[in-house]
């Protein structure tokens, strides 16, 4: 696993090489053709738009617009050609160097006709809003342990090896690094399955098999004092769009990316089926304790003709046991060496 690079296309140095290796798309050209305004989604037996099935949210578009593109919202054909050449060279270099811990063969790779320079659509500069003064920026990664206190809020890496509480949430198999909410494309397993009945929608991610149960019956929100890892969601239909509003995050995860905590986050997600094979997924994060403004991103999801199989997260089982056992062995050997 690898932490999600902040942004970038090739041309922003090694960060882009990582981005290309991390973010990919399974969307075919036909799936990203211009959407028709007269499309009407099929209906369930309850008369609701049918969003059921498996959807893939991988993409080769960075979350934030690279600084090199400034106010350019879309790539030109010249940009695309240059990026394609550099991407091929970068991937070859990664394979030869064995970088990122994975051969790129196993990553979700592809191409698309979507020429946007960022997934973020608001603010108009395609970048995250400035942080509030004092909002924490949380470190973590696959390198050495970093300084910090329990509970560890970042996804991978850790602050020590005295116990499982010193390790990142993904290592402990509590949350997946791309499972959200909101969904943020990453290395692999960028799949989600939606189930529907009259009063409930279930959104199940492939990564760590997280399932969100979203009531549609107008019930009250949870007491603000009750916090949950994935928050508490309530949904409703806005025409053909499923709107899911999530609050009550427990504060034990970051707000977004490496920034803040989730304690005050309010998330709005919109799911709209725009053609037989495309589900438009848009989310807005409103967290005044972390960011000076809200921000919105849009990710097209592609219909998958297949099933989601169990993602057995071994790091939280024997992997964690061996990691802690190895640390104790290192301490024992160091003590024996110092006593000689």
Protein backbone atom coordinates (compact mmCIF):
# COMPACT_ATOMS: atom_id res chain seq x y z
CA UNK A 1 0.00 0.00 0.00
CA UNK A 2 1.08 3.57 -0.56
CA UNK A 3 -0.04 6.95 0.65
CA UNK A 4 -1.91 8.96 -1.95
CA UNK A 5 0.31 11.66 -3.49
CA UNK A 6 -1.18 15.11 -3.07
CA UNK A 7 -1.46 15.95 -6.76
CA UNK A 8 0.30 15.98 -10.06
CA UNK A 9 0.75 14.87 -13.62
CA UNK A 10 4.08 13.87 -15.10
CA UNK A 11 6.15 16.99 -15.26
CA UNK A 12 5.94 17.59 -11.50
CA UNK A 13 8.84 15.22 -10.85
CA UNK A 14 8.74 11.98 -8.93
CA UNK A 15 5.38 12.86 -7.40
CA UNK A 16 3.78 12.40 -10.77
CA UNK A 17 5.47 9.07 -11.35
CA UNK A 18 3.86 7.91 -8.14
CA UNK A 19 0.54 9.40 -9.18
CA UNK A 20 0.57 7.57 -12.50
CA UNK A 21 1.37 4.31 -10.70
CA UNK A 22 -1.37 4.94 -8.15
CA UNK A 23 -4.24 6.33 -10.16
CA UNK A 24 -5.69 4.58 -13.16
CA UNK A 25 -9.02 4.14 -14.89
CA UNK A 26 -11.00 1.26 -16.28
CA UNK A 27 -13.31 3.55 -18.22
CA UNK A 28 -13.42 2.84 -21.92
CA UNK A 29 -13.73 5.54 -24.54
CA UNK A 30 -17.37 4.67 -25.12
CA UNK A 31 -18.10 5.02 -21.41
CA UNK A 32 -16.90 8.62 -21.41
CA UNK A 33 -18.59 9.84 -24.55
CA UNK A 34 -20.76 12.91 -24.24
CA UNK A 35 -23.73 12.20 -22.04
CA UNK A 36 -27.20 12.71 -23.48
CA UNK A 37 -29.64 14.90 -21.60
CA UNK A 38 -32.61 12.67 -22.38
CA UNK A 39 -31.21 9.56 -20.67
CA UNK A 40 -33.52 8.06 -18.08
CA UNK A 41 -32.11 5.55 -15.61
CA UNK A 42 -33.92 2.21 -15.28
CA UNK A 43 -36.22 1.89 -12.28
CA UNK A 44 -36.30 -0.55 -9.41
CA UNK A 45 -39.52 -2.25 -8.36
CA UNK A 46 -40.06 0.73 -6.02
CA UNK A 47 -39.87 3.25 -8.86
CA UNK A 48 -36.45 4.59 -7.83
CA UNK A 49 -33.53 5.06 -10.24
CA UNK A 50 -31.64 1.77 -10.32
CA UNK A 51 -28.06 2.37 -9.15
CA UNK A 52 -27.44 -1.23 -8.15
CA UNK A 53 -24.37 -3.18 -9.14
CA UNK A 54 -20.60 -2.87 -9.00
CA UNK A 55 -18.99 0.43 -10.00
CA UNK A 56 -15.31 1.31 -10.45
CA UNK A 57 -14.03 4.75 -9.47
CA UNK A 58 -10.42 4.52 -10.66
CA UNK A 59 -9.21 7.51 -12.67
CA UNK A 60 -6.01 8.98 -14.08
CA UNK A 61 -7.03 12.51 -13.09
CA UNK A 62 -5.32 13.94 -9.96
CA UNK A 63 -7.46 15.18 -7.10
CA UNK A 64 -5.85 18.63 -7.24
CA UNK A 65 -4.80 20.53 -10.34
CA UNK A 66 -1.01 20.62 -10.77
CA UNK A 67 0.44 24.09 -10.36
CA UNK A 68 1.91 23.88 -13.86
CA UNK A 69 -1.60 24.03 -15.35
CA UNK A 70 -2.60 27.13 -13.35
CA UNK A 71 -6.12 28.07 -14.49
CA UNK A 72 -6.29 25.47 -17.27
CA UNK A 73 -9.27 23.24 -16.48
CA UNK A 74 -8.79 20.89 -19.47
CA UNK A 75 -5.79 19.40 -21.23
CA UNK A 76 -5.06 20.21 -24.84
CA UNK A 77 -4.22 17.50 -27.37
CA UNK A 78 -0.57 18.59 -27.14
CA UNK A 79 -0.66 18.20 -23.36
CA UNK A 80 -2.16 14.72 -23.70
CA UNK A 81 0.46 13.56 -26.19
CA UNK A 82 3.31 14.82 -24.02
CA UNK A 83 1.84 13.24 -20.89
CA UNK A 84 1.32 9.91 -22.62
CA UNK A 85 4.99 9.79 -23.64
CA UNK A 86 6.21 10.69 -20.16
CA UNK A 87 3.78 8.30 -18.53
CA UNK A 88 5.09 5.38 -20.57
CA UNK A 89 8.67 6.27 -19.72
CA UNK A 90 7.80 6.75 -16.05
CA UNK A 91 6.02 3.42 -15.72
CA UNK A 92 8.91 1.65 -17.36
CA UNK A 93 11.30 3.28 -14.90
CA UNK A 94 9.11 2.23 -11.97
CA UNK A 95 9.03 -1.37 -13.15
CA UNK A 96 12.78 -1.48 -13.67
CA UNK A 97 13.44 0.06 -10.26
CA UNK A 98 10.84 -2.03 -8.42
CA UNK A 99 9.47 1.18 -6.92
CA UNK A 100 6.39 1.57 -4.72
CA UNK A 101 6.53 -2.07 -3.62
CA UNK A 102 4.26 -3.19 -6.47
CA UNK A 103 4.79 -4.14 -10.06
CA UNK A 104 2.52 -1.87 -12.10
CA UNK A 105 1.02 -4.98 -13.69
CA UNK A 106 -1.18 -5.30 -10.60
CA UNK A 107 -2.42 -1.71 -10.62
CA UNK A 108 -5.61 -0.52 -12.26
CA UNK A 109 -4.30 1.05 -15.44
CA UNK A 110 -6.08 2.49 -18.44
CA UNK A 111 -6.89 5.65 -20.31
CA UNK A 112 -9.90 7.86 -20.79
CA UNK A 113 -11.29 10.75 -22.81
CA UNK A 114 -11.81 12.83 -19.67
CA UNK A 115 -9.33 15.67 -20.09
CA UNK A 116 -9.94 17.54 -16.85
CA UNK A 117 -6.82 18.60 -14.96
CA UNK A 118 -8.34 17.92 -11.52
CA UNK A 119 -11.14 15.99 -9.89
CA UNK A 120 -11.86 19.05 -7.76
CA UNK A 121 -14.45 21.23 -9.49
CA UNK A 122 -14.79 23.82 -6.72
CA UNK A 123 -12.86 25.98 -5.93
CA UNK A 124 -12.40 26.91 -9.57
CA UNK A 125 -8.61 26.68 -9.30
CA UNK A 126 -9.02 22.92 -8.88
CA UNK A 127 -7.18 22.84 -5.58
CA UNK A 128 -8.07 22.30 -1.94
CA UNK A 129 -8.94 25.47 -0.01
CA UNK A 130 -6.33 26.84 2.42
CA UNK A 131 -6.13 25.23 5.83
CA UNK A 132 -7.42 26.90 8.94
CA UNK A 133 -4.70 28.20 11.20
CA UNK A 134 -3.73 25.45 13.62
CA UNK A 135 -5.37 22.64 11.65
CA UNK A 136 -3.05 19.62 11.89
CA UNK A 137 -1.35 18.08 8.91
CA UNK A 138 -0.95 14.39 9.61
CA UNK A 139 2.10 12.47 8.47
CA UNK A 140 2.38 8.81 7.62
CA UNK A 141 3.69 6.47 4.96
CA UNK A 142 5.61 3.32 4.20
CA UNK A 143 8.90 4.67 5.51
CA UNK A 144 10.22 4.84 9.11
CA UNK A 145 7.84 5.49 11.99
CA UNK A 146 7.02 9.14 12.63
CA UNK A 147 6.43 11.15 15.78
CA UNK A 148 2.88 11.26 17.03
CA UNK A 149 0.41 10.27 19.72
CA UNK A 150 -2.34 7.73 19.99
CA UNK A 151 -4.78 7.31 18.38
CA UNK A 152 -2.98 7.20 15.03
CA UNK A 153 -5.20 9.04 12.55
CA UNK A 154 -3.33 8.46 9.31
CA UNK A 155 -3.84 5.48 7.08
CA UNK A 156 -0.51 3.67 6.63
CA UNK A 157 2.69 3.71 8.64
CA UNK A 158 2.84 4.28 12.37
CA UNK A 159 4.35 6.02 15.38
CA UNK A 160 5.85 2.92 16.99
CA UNK A 161 5.40 -0.79 17.57
CA UNK A 162 4.45 -1.10 21.24
CA UNK A 163 0.96 -2.21 20.28
CA UNK A 164 -1.54 -2.21 17.42
CA UNK A 165 -2.74 1.25 18.49
CA UNK A 166 0.60 2.63 17.24
CA UNK A 167 -0.13 1.58 13.66
CA UNK A 168 -2.15 3.22 10.90
CA UNK A 169 -5.83 2.50 10.39
CA UNK A 170 -5.30 0.60 7.15
CA UNK A 171 -2.62 -1.64 8.69
CA UNK A 172 -5.14 -2.45 11.42
CA UNK A 173 -7.81 -3.19 8.79
CA UNK A 174 -10.19 -0.69 10.34
CA UNK A 175 -10.66 1.38 7.18
CA UNK A 176 -9.40 1.03 3.63
CA UNK A 177 -7.14 3.69 2.21
CA UNK A 178 -9.56 4.49 -0.62
CA UNK A 179 -12.86 3.48 0.97
CA UNK A 180 -13.76 6.86 2.44
CA UNK A 181 -16.24 8.28 2.67
CA UNK A 182 -15.73 10.03 0.36
CA UNK A 183 -14.26 7.67 -2.23
CA UNK A 184 -10.77 8.71 -3.35
CA UNK A 185 -9.13 6.72 -6.18
CA UNK A 186 -5.92 4.95 -5.26
CA UNK A 187 -3.74 1.93 -6.06
CA UNK A 188 -6.31 -0.79 -6.66
CA UNK A 189 -9.66 -2.19 -5.47
CA UNK A 190 -11.42 1.01 -6.53
CA UNK A 191 -14.75 -0.78 -6.55
CA UNK A 192 -18.02 -0.19 -4.76
CA UNK A 193 -21.27 -2.13 -4.82
CA UNK A 194 -24.68 -0.54 -4.30
CA UNK A 195 -27.75 -2.39 -3.02
CA UNK A 196 -31.22 -0.84 -2.88
CA UNK A 197 -34.63 -1.43 -1.42
CA UNK A 198 -37.48 0.99 -0.78
CA UNK A 199 -36.20 2.58 2.43
CA UNK A 200 -32.48 1.76 2.46
CA UNK A 201 -29.38 1.92 0.30
CA UNK A 202 -26.27 -0.08 1.22
CA UNK A 203 -22.91 1.12 -0.14
CA UNK A 204 -20.21 -1.56 0.20
CA UNK A 205 -16.59 -0.91 -0.69
CA UNK A 206 -14.20 -3.60 -1.90
CA UNK A 207 -11.34 -2.29 0.23
CA UNK A 208 -11.68 -3.78 3.75
CA UNK A 209 -15.34 -4.56 2.97
CA UNK A 210 -16.84 -1.50 4.64
CA UNK A 211 -20.63 -1.31 4.32
CA UNK A 212 -22.58 1.89 4.92
CA UNK A 213 -26.29 1.49 5.57
CA UNK A 214 -28.07 4.63 4.38
CA UNK A 215 -31.69 5.03 5.57
CA UNK A 216 -34.03 6.82 3.15
CA UNK A 217 -37.02 7.01 5.49
CA UNK A 218 -36.43 10.49 6.91
CA UNK A 219 -35.35 9.35 10.36
CA UNK A 220 -33.57 11.82 12.63
CA UNK A 221 -29.79 12.15 12.65
CA UNK A 222 -27.82 10.53 15.45
CA UNK A 223 -27.03 12.44 18.61
CA UNK A 224 -24.00 14.67 17.85
CA UNK A 225 -22.09 13.00 20.68
CA UNK A 226 -22.15 9.61 18.92
CA UNK A 227 -19.17 9.29 16.55
CA UNK A 228 -18.49 6.52 14.06
CA UNK A 229 -15.53 5.57 11.82
CA UNK A 230 -17.47 6.18 8.61
CA UNK A 231 -19.90 8.68 10.10
CA UNK A 232 -23.67 8.35 10.14
CA UNK A 233 -25.43 8.69 6.78
CA UNK A 234 -28.95 9.72 5.81
CA UNK A 235 -30.18 9.75 2.22
CA UNK A 236 -32.94 11.05 0.00
CA UNK A 237 -33.81 11.31 -3.69
CA UNK A 238 -33.41 14.61 -5.53
CA UNK A 239 -35.05 13.69 -8.82
CA UNK A 240 -32.87 10.92 -10.27
CA UNK A 241 -29.97 11.71 -7.93
CA UNK A 242 -29.33 9.86 -4.69
CA UNK A 243 -28.11 12.38 -2.12
CA UNK A 244 -26.29 11.02 0.94
CA UNK A 245 -25.45 13.34 3.82
CA UNK A 246 -22.96 12.09 6.40
CA UNK A 247 -22.02 13.57 9.76
CA UNK A 248 -21.09 12.15 13.19
CA UNK A 249 -17.53 11.20 12.22
CA UNK A 250 -15.59 10.13 15.30
CA UNK A 251 -12.58 12.42 14.83
CA UNK A 252 -10.23 9.42 14.79
CA UNK A 253 -9.60 9.81 11.06
CA UNK A 254 -8.27 12.77 9.12
CA UNK A 255 -10.72 15.21 7.55
CA UNK A 256 -9.41 14.74 4.00
CA UNK A 257 -6.07 13.60 2.63
CA UNK A 258 -3.46 14.37 5.27
CA UNK A 259 -5.35 17.26 6.81
CA UNK A 260 -7.27 17.90 10.00
CA UNK A 261 -9.53 15.51 11.86
CA UNK A 262 -12.98 14.34 10.88
CA UNK A 263 -14.74 15.57 14.04
CA UNK A 264 -16.51 18.53 12.40
CA UNK A 265 -16.78 17.18 8.85
CA UNK A 266 -20.07 17.28 7.00
CA UNK A 267 -20.04 15.28 3.77
CA UNK A 268 -22.57 15.42 0.94
CA UNK A 269 -22.41 12.78 -1.81
CA UNK A 270 -24.48 12.72 -5.00
CA UNK A 271 -24.92 9.59 -7.14
CA UNK A 272 -26.46 10.09 -10.60
CA UNK A 273 -26.69 7.48 -13.33
CA UNK A 274 -25.99 9.37 -16.55
CA UNK A 275 -25.95 6.48 -19.06
CA UNK A 276 -26.12 2.67 -18.93
CA UNK A 277 -22.49 2.32 -17.87
CA UNK A 278 -21.68 5.55 -16.01
CA UNK A 279 -22.51 6.70 -12.50
CA UNK A 280 -21.52 10.30 -11.79
CA UNK A 281 -20.22 10.55 -8.24
CA UNK A 282 -19.86 14.01 -6.74
CA UNK A 283 -18.92 14.85 -3.19
CA UNK A 284 -18.64 18.04 -1.17
CA UNK A 285 -16.62 18.29 2.05
CA UNK A 286 -17.63 21.06 4.43
CA UNK A 287 -15.27 21.14 7.42
CA UNK A 288 -14.85 24.68 8.80
CA UNK A 289 -12.44 23.45 11.49
CA UNK A 290 -9.97 22.27 8.83
CA UNK A 291 -10.52 24.25 5.61
CA UNK A 292 -11.39 27.90 4.98
CA UNK A 293 -14.01 26.87 2.43
CA UNK A 294 -15.88 23.78 1.33
CA UNK A 295 -14.72 21.91 -1.77
CA UNK A 296 -16.36 19.66 -4.37
CA UNK A 297 -14.97 16.89 -6.57
CA UNK A 298 -16.56 14.79 -9.31
CA UNK A 299 -15.50 11.25 -10.23
CA UNK A 300 -17.21 9.24 -13.00
CA UNK A 301 -17.72 5.62 -12.01
CA UNK A 302 -17.79 2.83 -14.61
CA UNK A 303 -20.16 -0.14 -14.49
CA UNK A 304 -18.35 -3.42 -13.82
CA UNK A 305 -19.68 -6.61 -15.35
CA UNK A 306 -18.66 -8.79 -12.44
CA UNK A 307 -18.71 -9.33 -8.70
CA UNK A 308 -16.84 -7.99 -5.72
CA UNK A 309 -14.92 -10.72 -3.93
CA UNK A 310 -13.78 -10.62 -0.33
CA UNK A 311 -10.76 -8.46 0.34
CA UNK A 312 -9.18 -10.31 3.26
CA UNK A 313 -7.14 -7.70 5.12
CA UNK A 314 -4.31 -9.81 6.52
CA UNK A 315 -2.36 -6.88 8.02
CA UNK A 316 -4.85 -6.73 10.88
CA UNK A 317 -4.46 -10.43 11.62
CA UNK A 318 -1.20 -12.38 11.33
CA UNK A 319 0.60 -9.42 9.76
CA UNK A 320 0.11 -7.29 12.87
CA UNK A 321 1.13 -10.17 15.12
CA UNK A 322 4.36 -10.67 13.20
CA UNK A 323 5.12 -6.95 13.12
CA UNK A 324 4.87 -6.65 16.90
CA UNK A 325 6.73 -9.94 17.44
CA UNK A 326 9.54 -8.70 15.21
CA UNK A 327 9.81 -5.49 17.24
CA UNK A 328 10.09 -7.46 20.49
CA UNK A 329 12.81 -9.61 18.95
CA UNK A 330 14.74 -6.51 17.89
CA UNK A 331 14.51 -5.17 21.44
CA UNK A 332 15.71 -8.48 22.87
CA UNK A 333 18.68 -8.66 20.53
CA UNK A 334 19.59 -5.02 21.26
CA UNK A 335 19.46 -5.71 25.02
CA UNK A 336 21.66 -8.79 24.64
CA UNK A 337 24.16 -6.82 22.56
CA UNK A 338 24.35 -3.96 25.08
CA UNK A 339 24.85 -6.44 27.95
CA UNK A 340 27.96 -8.00 26.44
